[in-house]
Amino acid sequence: MLLDIDQDRACTVQFAAEFLGVTEESVLALIKQGVLPASNINTKPDAQRPRWRILSSDLGRFLLKTRHYVPTDAPKARRAKATQKDYFA
């Protein structure tokens, strides 16, 4: 998917969930919390459910906003030495 504003497209909740690798419920929770911008395209006044659309550029901004950086000079975690049992002794 292109994350270019000039090539923007409206994505469904299902597509956004697949793209982010989460459930649709997680995407809906992000929308409800106001973390992920979305538009309700269901224009019927008596609509039972909203029909959300998320711009691909907003998905890109969400990923950039939630990205974590690991400092390059951070010490590497050391693994504890595994103890081996000698079953044949």
Protein backbone atom coordinates (compact mmCIF):
# COMPACT_ATOMS: atom_id res chain seq x y z
CA MET A 1 0.00 0.00 0.00
CA LEU A 2 1.21 3.46 -0.81
CA LEU A 3 1.44 5.83 2.13
CA ASP A 4 1.78 8.90 -0.07
CA ILE A 5 -0.74 11.69 0.48
CA ASP A 6 -1.00 12.25 -3.28
CA GLN A 7 -1.94 8.59 -3.73
CA ASP A 8 -4.24 8.46 -0.68
CA ARG A 9 -7.04 5.92 -0.53
CA ALA A 10 -9.80 5.14 1.93
CA CYS A 11 -9.35 1.80 3.69
CA THR A 12 -11.86 -0.33 5.54
CA VAL A 13 -11.42 -1.37 9.16
CA GLN A 14 -10.72 -4.91 7.95
CA PHE A 15 -7.93 -3.73 5.64
CA ALA A 16 -6.43 -1.52 8.35
CA ALA A 17 -6.48 -4.44 10.79
CA GLU A 18 -4.70 -6.72 8.30
CA PHE A 19 -2.19 -4.00 7.47
CA LEU A 20 -1.38 -3.32 11.13
CA GLY A 21 -1.49 -6.99 12.09
CA VAL A 22 -4.18 -6.55 14.73
CA THR A 23 -7.86 -7.43 15.11
CA GLU A 24 -10.71 -5.32 13.78
CA GLU A 25 -11.77 -4.72 17.39
CA SER A 26 -8.35 -3.19 18.09
CA VAL A 27 -8.71 -0.82 15.14
CA LEU A 28 -12.21 0.18 16.29
CA ALA A 29 -10.84 0.81 19.80
CA LEU A 30 -8.10 3.06 18.36
CA ILE A 31 -10.76 4.98 16.43
CA LYS A 32 -12.96 5.31 19.53
CA GLN A 33 -10.00 6.54 21.61
CA GLY A 34 -9.24 9.17 18.97
CA VAL A 35 -5.78 7.74 18.31
CA LEU A 36 -6.53 6.73 14.72
CA PRO A 37 -8.49 9.25 12.62
CA ALA A 38 -11.42 7.80 10.67
CA SER A 39 -14.54 8.96 8.87
CA ASN A 40 -18.01 7.49 9.24
CA ILE A 41 -19.39 7.24 5.70
CA ASN A 42 -22.77 5.87 6.79
CA THR A 43 -24.97 8.88 6.05
CA LYS A 44 -28.29 7.30 7.04
CA PRO A 45 -29.67 9.04 10.12
CA ASP A 46 -31.14 5.78 11.47
CA ALA A 47 -27.99 3.75 10.82
CA GLN A 48 -27.37 0.95 13.28
CA ARG A 49 -23.60 0.83 12.79
CA PRO A 50 -20.99 3.29 11.57
CA ARG A 51 -19.10 2.47 8.38
CA TRP A 52 -15.56 3.65 9.12
CA ARG A 53 -12.97 4.53 6.49
CA ILE A 54 -9.34 5.28 7.34
CA LEU A 55 -7.05 7.15 4.98
CA SER A 56 -3.88 5.25 4.11
CA SER A 57 -1.87 8.37 4.98
CA ASP A 58 -3.41 8.31 8.48
CA LEU A 59 -2.30 4.69 8.87
CA GLY A 60 1.21 5.77 7.92
CA ARG A 61 1.14 8.67 10.39
CA PHE A 62 -0.12 6.32 13.11
CA LEU A 63 2.79 3.95 12.50
CA LEU A 64 5.31 6.78 12.55
CA LYS A 65 3.79 8.25 15.72
CA THR A 66 3.92 4.92 17.59
CA ARG A 67 7.38 3.86 16.41
CA HIS A 68 10.02 3.26 19.07
CA TYR A 69 13.71 3.77 18.51
CA VAL A 70 16.45 1.69 20.06
CA PRO A 71 19.64 3.70 20.66
CA THR A 72 22.59 2.30 18.72
CA ASP A 73 24.89 2.67 21.73
CA ALA A 74 22.57 0.73 24.06
CA PRO A 75 24.23 -2.29 25.63
CA LYS A 76 23.03 -5.60 24.29
CA ALA A 77 21.16 -7.84 26.65
CA ARG A 78 23.20 -10.81 27.74
CA ARG A 79 21.73 -14.23 27.81
CA ALA A 80 22.10 -16.31 30.90
CA LYS A 81 24.25 -19.33 30.26
CA ALA A 82 22.17 -22.42 29.89
CA THR A 83 23.03 -25.17 32.28
CA GLN A 84 23.36 -28.50 30.60
CA LYS A 85 22.66 -31.70 32.38
CA ASP A 86 24.73 -34.75 31.53
CA TYR A 87 22.16 -37.48 31.29
CA PHE A 88 24.74 -40.04 30.09
CA ALA A 89 27.19 -39.71 32.99
